Full PDB file with SEQRES, HELIX, SHEET, SSBOND, CRYST1, ORIGX, SCALE, CONECT and MASTER records, all heavy atoms in Angstrom:
SEQRES   1 A   34  ASN GLU GLN ASN VAL LEU LYS ARG PHE GLN TYR ARG THR          
SEQRES   2 A   34  PRO TYR LEU ARG PRO LEU VAL ASP VAL ILE GLU GLU PRO          
SEQRES   3 A   34  SER ALA PRO VAL THR ILE ALA LEU                              
HELIX    1 AA1 GLU A    2  PHE A    9  1                                   8    
SHEET    1 AA1 2 ASP A  21  VAL A  22  0                                        
SHEET    2 AA1 2 ILE A  32  ALA A  33 -1                                        
CRYST1    1.000    1.000    1.000  90.00  90.00  90.00 P 1           1          
ORIGX1      1.000000  0.000000  0.000000        0.00000                         
ORIGX2      0.000000  1.000000  0.000000        0.00000                         
ORIGX3      0.000000  0.000000  1.000000        0.00000                         
SCALE1      1.000000  0.000000  0.000000        0.00000                         
SCALE2      0.000000  1.000000  0.000000        0.00000                         
SCALE3      0.000000  0.000000  1.000000        0.00000                         
ATOM      1  N   ASN A   1      -4.551  -7.298   0.670  1.00  0.00           N  
ATOM      2  CA  ASN A   1      -4.481  -7.298   2.130  1.00  0.00           C  
ATOM      3  C   ASN A   1      -3.329  -6.433   2.623  1.00  0.00           C  
ATOM      4  O   ASN A   1      -3.482  -5.651   3.567  1.00  0.00           O  
ATOM      5  CB  ASN A   1      -4.340  -8.726   2.654  1.00  0.00           C  
ATOM      6  CG  ASN A   1      -4.463  -8.784   4.162  1.00  0.00           C  
ATOM      7  OD1 ASN A   1      -5.477  -8.379   4.725  1.00  0.00           O  
ATOM      8  ND2 ASN A   1      -3.435  -9.266   4.836  1.00  0.00           N  
ATOM      9  N   GLU A   2      -2.164  -6.542   1.960  1.00  0.00           N  
ATOM     10  CA  GLU A   2      -1.020  -5.714   2.355  1.00  0.00           C  
ATOM     11  C   GLU A   2      -1.354  -4.228   2.190  1.00  0.00           C  
ATOM     12  O   GLU A   2      -1.022  -3.403   3.047  1.00  0.00           O  
ATOM     13  CB  GLU A   2       0.220  -6.080   1.529  1.00  0.00           C  
ATOM     14  CG  GLU A   2       1.436  -5.271   1.934  1.00  0.00           C  
ATOM     15  CD  GLU A   2       2.761  -5.894   1.509  1.00  0.00           C  
ATOM     16  OE1 GLU A   2       2.759  -6.820   0.673  1.00  0.00           O  
ATOM     17  OE2 GLU A   2       3.808  -5.448   2.023  1.00  0.00           O  
ATOM     18  N   GLN A   3      -2.032  -3.901   1.092  1.00  0.00           N  
ATOM     19  CA  GLN A   3      -2.457  -2.513   0.860  1.00  0.00           C  
ATOM     20  C   GLN A   3      -3.345  -2.033   2.007  1.00  0.00           C  
ATOM     21  O   GLN A   3      -3.142  -0.944   2.563  1.00  0.00           O  
ATOM     22  CB  GLN A   3      -3.224  -2.445  -0.467  1.00  0.00           C  
ATOM     23  CG  GLN A   3      -3.910  -1.108  -0.724  1.00  0.00           C  
ATOM     24  CD  GLN A   3      -4.802  -1.178  -1.965  1.00  0.00           C  
ATOM     25  OE1 GLN A   3      -4.355  -1.554  -3.023  1.00  0.00           O  
ATOM     26  NE2 GLN A   3      -6.069  -0.823  -1.823  1.00  0.00           N  
ATOM     27  N   ASN A   4      -4.321  -2.843   2.393  1.00  0.00           N  
ATOM     28  CA  ASN A   4      -5.267  -2.439   3.442  1.00  0.00           C  
ATOM     29  C   ASN A   4      -4.590  -2.310   4.801  1.00  0.00           C  
ATOM     30  O   ASN A   4      -4.872  -1.380   5.568  1.00  0.00           O  
ATOM     31  CB  ASN A   4      -6.417  -3.448   3.525  1.00  0.00           C  
ATOM     32  CG  ASN A   4      -7.288  -3.436   2.280  1.00  0.00           C  
ATOM     33  OD1 ASN A   4      -7.312  -2.449   1.550  1.00  0.00           O  
ATOM     34  ND2 ASN A   4      -7.984  -4.531   2.023  1.00  0.00           N  
ATOM     35  N   VAL A   5      -3.690  -3.253   5.101  1.00  0.00           N  
ATOM     36  CA  VAL A   5      -2.982  -3.210   6.391  1.00  0.00           C  
ATOM     37  C   VAL A   5      -2.088  -1.964   6.464  1.00  0.00           C  
ATOM     38  O   VAL A   5      -2.063  -1.267   7.482  1.00  0.00           O  
ATOM     39  CB  VAL A   5      -2.141  -4.501   6.591  1.00  0.00           C  
ATOM     40  CG1 VAL A   5      -1.220  -4.366   7.806  1.00  0.00           C  
ATOM     41  CG2 VAL A   5      -3.057  -5.714   6.755  1.00  0.00           C  
ATOM     42  N   LEU A   6      -1.387  -1.661   5.365  1.00  0.00           N  
ATOM     43  CA  LEU A   6      -0.504  -0.490   5.371  1.00  0.00           C  
ATOM     44  C   LEU A   6      -1.297   0.813   5.468  1.00  0.00           C  
ATOM     45  O   LEU A   6      -0.877   1.748   6.166  1.00  0.00           O  
ATOM     46  CB  LEU A   6       0.391  -0.500   4.136  1.00  0.00           C  
ATOM     47  CG  LEU A   6       1.537  -1.512   4.199  1.00  0.00           C  
ATOM     48  CD1 LEU A   6       2.255  -1.613   2.860  1.00  0.00           C  
ATOM     49  CD2 LEU A   6       2.531  -1.145   5.309  1.00  0.00           C  
ATOM     50  N   LYS A   7      -2.421   0.871   4.791  1.00  0.00           N  
ATOM     51  CA  LYS A   7      -3.250   2.084   4.900  1.00  0.00           C  
ATOM     52  C   LYS A   7      -3.673   2.324   6.347  1.00  0.00           C  
ATOM     53  O   LYS A   7      -3.796   3.459   6.791  1.00  0.00           O  
ATOM     54  CB  LYS A   7      -4.484   1.955   3.999  1.00  0.00           C  
ATOM     55  CG  LYS A   7      -4.187   2.215   2.523  1.00  0.00           C  
ATOM     56  CD  LYS A   7      -5.450   2.126   1.690  1.00  0.00           C  
ATOM     57  CE  LYS A   7      -5.181   2.494   0.225  1.00  0.00           C  
ATOM     58  NZ  LYS A   7      -6.416   2.371  -0.605  1.00  0.00           N  
ATOM     59  N   ARG A   8      -3.867   1.234   7.065  1.00  0.00           N  
ATOM     60  CA  ARG A   8      -4.303   1.335   8.458  1.00  0.00           C  
ATOM     61  C   ARG A   8      -3.153   1.718   9.399  1.00  0.00           C  
ATOM     62  O   ARG A   8      -3.337   2.483  10.345  1.00  0.00           O  
ATOM     63  CB  ARG A   8      -4.907  -0.005   8.891  1.00  0.00           C  
ATOM     64  CG  ARG A   8      -5.344  -0.063  10.345  1.00  0.00           C  
ATOM     65  CD  ARG A   8      -6.090  -1.354  10.604  1.00  0.00           C  
ATOM     66  NE  ARG A   8      -6.573  -1.422  11.978  1.00  0.00           N  
ATOM     67  CZ  ARG A   8      -7.684  -2.029  12.346  1.00  0.00           C  
ATOM     68  NH1 ARG A   8      -8.446  -2.627  11.440  1.00  0.00           N  
ATOM     69  NH2 ARG A   8      -8.051  -2.073  13.615  1.00  0.00           N  
ATOM     70  N   PHE A   9      -1.947   1.179   9.144  1.00  0.00           N  
ATOM     71  CA  PHE A   9      -0.883   1.265  10.146  1.00  0.00           C  
ATOM     72  C   PHE A   9       0.320   2.138   9.794  1.00  0.00           C  
ATOM     73  O   PHE A   9       1.050   2.547  10.693  1.00  0.00           O  
ATOM     74  CB  PHE A   9      -0.358  -0.143  10.455  1.00  0.00           C  
ATOM     75  CG  PHE A   9      -1.317  -0.998  11.230  1.00  0.00           C  
ATOM     76  CD1 PHE A   9      -1.977  -2.054  10.615  1.00  0.00           C  
ATOM     77  CD2 PHE A   9      -1.569  -0.762  12.572  1.00  0.00           C  
ATOM     78  CE1 PHE A   9      -2.862  -2.858  11.316  1.00  0.00           C  
ATOM     79  CE2 PHE A   9      -2.447  -1.557  13.299  1.00  0.00           C  
ATOM     80  CZ  PHE A   9      -3.098  -2.607  12.669  1.00  0.00           C  
ATOM     81  N   GLN A  10       0.597   2.404   8.520  1.00  0.00           N  
ATOM     82  CA  GLN A  10       1.895   3.000   8.185  1.00  0.00           C  
ATOM     83  C   GLN A  10       2.093   4.407   8.731  1.00  0.00           C  
ATOM     84  O   GLN A  10       3.234   4.851   8.896  1.00  0.00           O  
ATOM     85  CB  GLN A  10       2.147   2.964   6.681  1.00  0.00           C  
ATOM     86  CG  GLN A  10       1.333   3.939   5.856  1.00  0.00           C  
ATOM     87  CD  GLN A  10       1.659   3.786   4.368  1.00  0.00           C  
ATOM     88  OE1 GLN A  10       1.808   2.685   3.841  1.00  0.00           O  
ATOM     89  NE2 GLN A  10       1.780   4.903   3.680  1.00  0.00           N  
ATOM     90  N   TYR A  11       1.009   5.114   9.023  1.00  0.00           N  
ATOM     91  CA  TYR A  11       1.167   6.474   9.551  1.00  0.00           C  
ATOM     92  C   TYR A  11       1.318   6.479  11.076  1.00  0.00           C  
ATOM     93  O   TYR A  11       1.531   7.515  11.676  1.00  0.00           O  
ATOM     94  CB  TYR A  11      -0.013   7.352   9.117  1.00  0.00           C  
ATOM     95  CG  TYR A  11      -0.085   7.462   7.614  1.00  0.00           C  
ATOM     96  CD1 TYR A  11      -1.079   6.808   6.887  1.00  0.00           C  
ATOM     97  CD2 TYR A  11       0.899   8.163   6.905  1.00  0.00           C  
ATOM     98  CE1 TYR A  11      -1.116   6.874   5.500  1.00  0.00           C  
ATOM     99  CE2 TYR A  11       0.872   8.226   5.520  1.00  0.00           C  
ATOM    100  CZ  TYR A  11      -0.140   7.578   4.827  1.00  0.00           C  
ATOM    101  OH  TYR A  11      -0.165   7.633   3.451  1.00  0.00           O  
ATOM    102  N   ARG A  12       1.236   5.297  11.680  1.00  0.00           N  
ATOM    103  CA  ARG A  12       1.394   5.195  13.129  1.00  0.00           C  
ATOM    104  C   ARG A  12       2.826   4.879  13.537  1.00  0.00           C  
ATOM    105  O   ARG A  12       3.175   4.975  14.712  1.00  0.00           O  
ATOM    106  CB  ARG A  12       0.484   4.096  13.684  1.00  0.00           C  
ATOM    107  CG  ARG A  12      -0.993   4.352  13.519  1.00  0.00           C  
ATOM    108  CD  ARG A  12      -1.734   3.429  14.471  1.00  0.00           C  
ATOM    109  NE  ARG A  12      -3.027   3.040  13.951  1.00  0.00           N  
ATOM    110  CZ  ARG A  12      -3.786   2.100  14.481  1.00  0.00           C  
ATOM    111  NH1 ARG A  12      -3.359   1.435  15.544  1.00  0.00           N  
ATOM    112  NH2 ARG A  12      -4.959   1.800  13.968  1.00  0.00           N  
ATOM    113  N   THR A  13       3.646   4.438  12.594  1.00  0.00           N  
ATOM    114  CA  THR A  13       5.018   4.051  12.920  1.00  0.00           C  
ATOM    115  C   THR A  13       5.919   4.222  11.700  1.00  0.00           C  
ATOM    116  O   THR A  13       5.473   3.964  10.578  1.00  0.00           O  
ATOM    117  CB  THR A  13       5.077   2.585  13.395  1.00  0.00           C  
ATOM    118  OG1 THR A  13       6.453   2.216  13.578  1.00  0.00           O  
ATOM    119  CG2 THR A  13       4.441   1.627  12.404  1.00  0.00           C  
ATOM    120  N   PRO A  14       7.168   4.644  11.900  1.00  0.00           N  
ATOM    121  CA  PRO A  14       8.106   4.730  10.764  1.00  0.00           C  
ATOM    122  C   PRO A  14       8.772   3.389  10.446  1.00  0.00           C  
ATOM    123  O   PRO A  14       9.616   3.321   9.564  1.00  0.00           O  
ATOM    124  CB  PRO A  14       9.152   5.739  11.263  1.00  0.00           C  
ATOM    125  CG  PRO A  14       9.145   5.579  12.751  1.00  0.00           C  
ATOM    126  CD  PRO A  14       7.743   5.192  13.143  1.00  0.00           C  
ATOM    127  N   TYR A  15       8.376   2.332  11.159  1.00  0.00           N  
ATOM    128  CA  TYR A  15       9.102   1.060  11.048  1.00  0.00           C  
ATOM    129  C   TYR A  15       8.370  -0.013  10.238  1.00  0.00           C  
ATOM    130  O   TYR A  15       8.715  -1.187  10.316  1.00  0.00           O  
ATOM    131  CB  TYR A  15       9.446   0.537  12.446  1.00  0.00           C  
ATOM    132  CG  TYR A  15      10.219   1.559  13.246  1.00  0.00           C  
ATOM    133  CD1 TYR A  15       9.709   2.076  14.431  1.00  0.00           C  
ATOM    134  CD2 TYR A  15      11.452   2.029  12.796  1.00  0.00           C  
ATOM    135  CE1 TYR A  15      10.416   3.033  15.157  1.00  0.00           C  
ATOM    136  CE2 TYR A  15      12.167   2.985  13.507  1.00  0.00           C  
ATOM    137  CZ  TYR A  15      11.640   3.487  14.687  1.00  0.00           C  
ATOM    138  OH  TYR A  15      12.345   4.448  15.393  1.00  0.00           O  
ATOM    139  N   LEU A  16       7.370   0.389   9.457  1.00  0.00           N  
ATOM    140  CA  LEU A  16       6.755  -0.491   8.473  1.00  0.00           C  
ATOM    141  C   LEU A  16       7.100   0.034   7.089  1.00  0.00           C  
ATOM    142  O   LEU A  16       7.023   1.247   6.848  1.00  0.00           O  
ATOM    143  CB  LEU A  16       5.227  -0.524   8.628  1.00  0.00           C  
ATOM    144  CG  LEU A  16       4.663  -1.210   9.881  1.00  0.00           C  
ATOM    145  CD1 LEU A  16       3.163  -0.991   9.963  1.00  0.00           C  
ATOM    146  CD2 LEU A  16       4.986  -2.704   9.893  1.00  0.00           C  
ATOM    147  N   ARG A  17       7.500  -0.859   6.172  1.00  0.00           N  
ATOM    148  CA  ARG A  17       7.799  -0.396   4.810  1.00  0.00           C  
ATOM    149  C   ARG A  17       6.507   0.124   4.183  1.00  0.00           C  
ATOM    150  O   ARG A  17       5.553  -0.628   4.006  1.00  0.00           O  
ATOM    151  CB  ARG A  17       8.374  -1.526   3.967  1.00  0.00           C  
ATOM    152  CG  ARG A  17       8.703  -1.055   2.545  1.00  0.00           C  
ATOM    153  CD  ARG A  17       9.424  -2.086   1.737  1.00  0.00           C  
ATOM    154  NE  ARG A  17       8.591  -3.225   1.395  1.00  0.00           N  
ATOM    155  CZ  ARG A  17       8.936  -4.159   0.497  1.00  0.00           C  
ATOM    156  NH1 ARG A  17      10.099  -4.082  -0.106  1.00  0.00           N  
ATOM    157  NH2 ARG A  17       8.144  -5.162   0.244  1.00  0.00           N  
ATOM    158  N   PRO A  18       6.461   1.408   3.808  1.00  0.00           N  
ATOM    159  CA  PRO A  18       5.175   2.012   3.447  1.00  0.00           C  
ATOM    160  C   PRO A  18       4.752   1.797   1.991  1.00  0.00           C  
ATOM    161  O   PRO A  18       5.567   1.597   1.090  1.00  0.00           O  
ATOM    162  CB  PRO A  18       5.414   3.502   3.710  1.00  0.00           C  
ATOM    163  CG  PRO A  18       6.873   3.685   3.464  1.00  0.00           C  
ATOM    164  CD  PRO A  18       7.531   2.399   3.909  1.00  0.00           C  
ATOM    165  N   LEU A  19       3.444   1.874   1.839  1.00  0.00           N  
ATOM    166  CA  LEU A  19       2.802   1.951   0.526  1.00  0.00           C  
ATOM    167  C   LEU A  19       3.037   3.364  -0.006  1.00  0.00           C  
ATOM    168  O   LEU A  19       2.803   4.340   0.715  1.00  0.00           O  
ATOM    169  CB  LEU A  19       1.305   1.698   0.722  1.00  0.00           C  
ATOM    170  CG  LEU A  19       0.376   1.726  -0.466  1.00  0.00           C  
ATOM    171  CD1 LEU A  19       0.543   0.459  -1.299  1.00  0.00           C  
ATOM    172  CD2 LEU A  19      -1.081   1.821   0.022  1.00  0.00           C  
ATOM    173  N   VAL A  20       3.534   3.486  -1.251  1.00  0.00           N  
ATOM    174  CA  VAL A  20       3.733   4.823  -1.807  1.00  0.00           C  
ATOM    175  C   VAL A  20       2.723   5.148  -2.908  1.00  0.00           C  
ATOM    176  O   VAL A  20       2.505   6.313  -3.228  1.00  0.00           O  
ATOM    177  CB  VAL A  20       5.172   5.026  -2.340  1.00  0.00           C  
ATOM    178  CG1 VAL A  20       6.172   4.974  -1.198  1.00  0.00           C  
ATOM    179  CG2 VAL A  20       5.549   4.011  -3.398  1.00  0.00           C  
ATOM    180  N   ASP A  21       2.092   4.122  -3.472  1.00  0.00           N  
ATOM    181  CA  ASP A  21       1.110   4.385  -4.524  1.00  0.00           C  
ATOM    182  C   ASP A  21       0.292   3.121  -4.794  1.00  0.00           C  
ATOM    183  O   ASP A  21       0.706   2.006  -4.466  1.00  0.00           O  
ATOM    184  CB  ASP A  21       1.806   4.827  -5.816  1.00  0.00           C  
ATOM    185  CG  ASP A  21       0.921   5.715  -6.707  1.00  0.00           C  
ATOM    186  OD1 ASP A  21      -0.287   5.859  -6.408  1.00  0.00           O  
ATOM    187  OD2 ASP A  21       1.461   6.271  -7.686  1.00  0.00           O  
ATOM    188  N   VAL A  22      -0.880   3.349  -5.381  1.00  0.00           N  
ATOM    189  CA  VAL A  22      -1.736   2.254  -5.847  1.00  0.00           C  
ATOM    190  C   VAL A  22      -1.867   2.400  -7.358  1.00  0.00           C  
ATOM    191  O   VAL A  22      -2.144   3.494  -7.866  1.00  0.00           O  
ATOM    192  CB  VAL A  22      -3.126   2.314  -5.172  1.00  0.00           C  
ATOM    193  CG1 VAL A  22      -4.046   1.243  -5.747  1.00  0.00           C  
ATOM    194  CG2 VAL A  22      -2.993   2.148  -3.660  1.00  0.00           C  
ATOM    195  N   ILE A  23      -1.634   1.306  -8.078  1.00  0.00           N  
ATOM    196  CA  ILE A  23      -1.681   1.353  -9.539  1.00  0.00           C  
ATOM    197  C   ILE A  23      -3.137   1.305 -10.024  1.00  0.00           C  
ATOM    198  O   ILE A  23      -3.912   0.445  -9.602  1.00  0.00           O  
ATOM    199  CB  ILE A  23      -0.872   0.175 -10.144  1.00  0.00           C  
ATOM    200  CG1 ILE A  23       0.574   0.204  -9.622  1.00  0.00           C  
ATOM    201  CG2 ILE A  23      -0.911   0.225 -11.669  1.00  0.00           C  
ATOM    202  CD1 ILE A  23       1.340   1.475  -9.852  1.00  0.00           C  
ATOM    203  N   GLU A  24      -3.481   2.243 -10.919  1.00  0.00           N  
ATOM    204  CA  GLU A  24      -4.841   2.293 -11.469  1.00  0.00           C  
ATOM    205  C   GLU A  24      -4.932   1.705 -12.872  1.00  0.00           C  
ATOM    206  O   GLU A  24      -5.980   1.223 -13.286  1.00  0.00           O  
ATOM    207  CB  GLU A  24      -5.341   3.734 -11.457  1.00  0.00           C  
ATOM    208  CG  GLU A  24      -5.488   4.273 -10.034  1.00  0.00           C  
ATOM    209  CD  GLU A  24      -6.092   5.664  -9.993  1.00  0.00           C  
ATOM    210  OE1 GLU A  24      -5.784   6.478 -10.898  1.00  0.00           O  
ATOM    211  OE2 GLU A  24      -6.853   5.953  -9.048  1.00  0.00           O  
ATOM    212  N   GLU A  25      -3.829   1.771 -13.630  1.00  0.00           N  
ATOM    213  CA  GLU A  25      -3.783   1.147 -14.959  1.00  0.00           C  
ATOM    214  C   GLU A  25      -2.514   0.328 -15.076  1.00  0.00           C  
ATOM    215  O   GLU A  25      -1.408   0.893 -14.935  1.00  0.00           O  
ATOM    216  CB  GLU A  25      -3.798   2.230 -16.058  1.00  0.00           C  
ATOM    217  CG  GLU A  25      -5.131   2.935 -16.224  1.00  0.00           C  
ATOM    218  CD  GLU A  25      -5.072   3.949 -17.365  1.00  0.00           C  
ATOM    219  OE1 GLU A  25      -4.440   3.644 -18.399  1.00  0.00           O  
ATOM    220  OE2 GLU A  25      -5.633   5.039 -17.205  1.00  0.00           O  
ATOM    221  N   PRO A  26      -2.601  -1.010 -15.281  1.00  0.00           N  
ATOM    222  CA  PRO A  26      -3.834  -1.782 -15.384  1.00  0.00           C  
ATOM    223  C   PRO A  26      -4.575  -1.858 -14.046  1.00  0.00           C  
ATOM    224  O   PRO A  26      -3.946  -1.838 -12.992  1.00  0.00           O  
ATOM    225  CB  PRO A  26      -3.347  -3.162 -15.830  1.00  0.00           C  
ATOM    226  CG  PRO A  26      -1.922  -3.234 -15.353  1.00  0.00           C  
ATOM    227  CD  PRO A  26      -1.400  -1.845 -15.407  1.00  0.00           C  
ATOM    228  N   SER A  27      -5.882  -1.986 -14.129  1.00  0.00           N  
ATOM    229  CA  SER A  27      -6.713  -1.934 -12.921  1.00  0.00           C  
ATOM    230  C   SER A  27      -6.814  -3.283 -12.212  1.00  0.00           C  
ATOM    231  O   SER A  27      -7.225  -3.346 -11.057  1.00  0.00           O  
ATOM    232  CB  SER A  27      -8.112  -1.433 -13.279  1.00  0.00           C  
ATOM    233  OG  SER A  27      -8.700  -2.285 -14.252  1.00  0.00           O  
ATOM    234  N   ALA A  28      -6.475  -4.356 -12.894  1.00  0.00           N  
ATOM    235  CA  ALA A  28      -6.536  -5.685 -12.269  1.00  0.00           C  
ATOM    236  C   ALA A  28      -5.328  -6.504 -12.720  1.00  0.00           C  
ATOM    237  O   ALA A  28      -4.868  -6.357 -13.853  1.00  0.00           O  
ATOM    238  CB  ALA A  28      -7.839  -6.394 -12.663  1.00  0.00           C  
ATOM    239  N   PRO A  29      -4.801  -7.370 -11.854  1.00  0.00           N  
ATOM    240  CA  PRO A  29      -5.149  -7.516 -10.432  1.00  0.00           C  
ATOM    241  C   PRO A  29      -4.643  -6.337  -9.611  1.00  0.00           C  
ATOM    242  O   PRO A  29      -3.955  -5.464 -10.142  1.00  0.00           O  
ATOM    243  CB  PRO A  29      -4.432  -8.812 -10.034  1.00  0.00           C  
ATOM    244  CG  PRO A  29      -3.244  -8.878 -10.941  1.00  0.00           C  
ATOM    245  CD  PRO A  29      -3.701  -8.287 -12.245  1.00  0.00           C  
ATOM    246  N   VAL A  30      -5.005  -6.294  -8.316  1.00  0.00           N  
ATOM    247  CA  VAL A  30      -4.556  -5.213  -7.438  1.00  0.00           C  
ATOM    248  C   VAL A  30      -3.025  -5.148  -7.467  1.00  0.00           C  
ATOM    249  O   VAL A  30      -2.345  -6.158  -7.313  1.00  0.00           O  
ATOM    250  CB  VAL A  30      -5.044  -5.447  -5.989  1.00  0.00           C  
ATOM    251  CG1 VAL A  30      -4.435  -4.420  -5.048  1.00  0.00           C  
ATOM    252  CG2 VAL A  30      -6.568  -5.391  -5.934  1.00  0.00           C  
ATOM    253  N   THR A  31      -2.502  -3.943  -7.713  1.00  0.00           N  
ATOM    254  CA  THR A  31      -1.053  -3.739  -7.814  1.00  0.00           C  
ATOM    255  C   THR A  31      -0.669  -2.528  -6.970  1.00  0.00           C  
ATOM    256  O   THR A  31      -1.335  -1.492  -7.019  1.00  0.00           O  
ATOM    257  CB  THR A  31      -0.640  -3.509  -9.283  1.00  0.00           C  
ATOM    258  OG1 THR A  31      -1.075  -4.637 -10.061  1.00  0.00           O  
ATOM    259  CG2 THR A  31       0.865  -3.349  -9.420  1.00  0.00           C  
ATOM    260  N   ILE A  32       0.393  -2.681  -6.176  1.00  0.00           N  
ATOM    261  CA  ILE A  32       0.811  -1.586  -5.299  1.00  0.00           C  
ATOM    262  C   ILE A  32       2.290  -1.266  -5.512  1.00  0.00           C  
ATOM    263  O   ILE A  32       3.068  -2.099  -5.976  1.00  0.00           O  
ATOM    264  CB  ILE A  32       0.564  -1.926  -3.811  1.00  0.00           C  
ATOM    265  CG1 ILE A  32       1.310  -3.214  -3.403  1.00  0.00           C  
ATOM    266  CG2 ILE A  32      -0.924  -2.045  -3.516  1.00  0.00           C  
ATOM    267  CD1 ILE A  32       1.195  -3.560  -1.913  1.00  0.00           C  
ATOM    268  N   ALA A  33       2.652  -0.027  -5.185  1.00  0.00           N  
ATOM    269  CA  ALA A  33       4.050   0.410  -5.194  1.00  0.00           C  
ATOM    270  C   ALA A  33       4.464   0.658  -3.745  1.00  0.00           C  
ATOM    271  O   ALA A  33       3.771   1.343  -2.993  1.00  0.00           O  
ATOM    272  CB  ALA A  33       4.214   1.677  -6.018  1.00  0.00           C  
ATOM    273  N   LEU A  34       5.607   0.072  -3.368  1.00  0.00           N  
ATOM    274  CA  LEU A  34       6.112   0.183  -2.007  1.00  0.00           C  
ATOM    275  C   LEU A  34       7.472   0.885  -2.013  1.00  0.00           C  
ATOM    276  O   LEU A  34       8.163   0.906  -3.029  1.00  0.00           O  
ATOM    277  CB  LEU A  34       6.291  -1.206  -1.396  1.00  0.00           C  
ATOM    278  CG  LEU A  34       5.033  -2.060  -1.260  1.00  0.00           C  
ATOM    279  CD1 LEU A  34       5.391  -3.523  -1.084  1.00  0.00           C  
ATOM    280  CD2 LEU A  34       4.189  -1.585  -0.086  1.00  0.00           C  
TER     281      LEU A  34                                                      
MASTER        0    0    0    1    2    0    0    6  280    1    0    3          
END                                                                             
């Protein structure tokens, strides 16, 4: 959910801590880099 919300909003404001990457390996569970 955090990944999806950031993809939607982070380019609209500099005041949300942004997603910098999505981890592909390991593929589960969903893992993100902030």
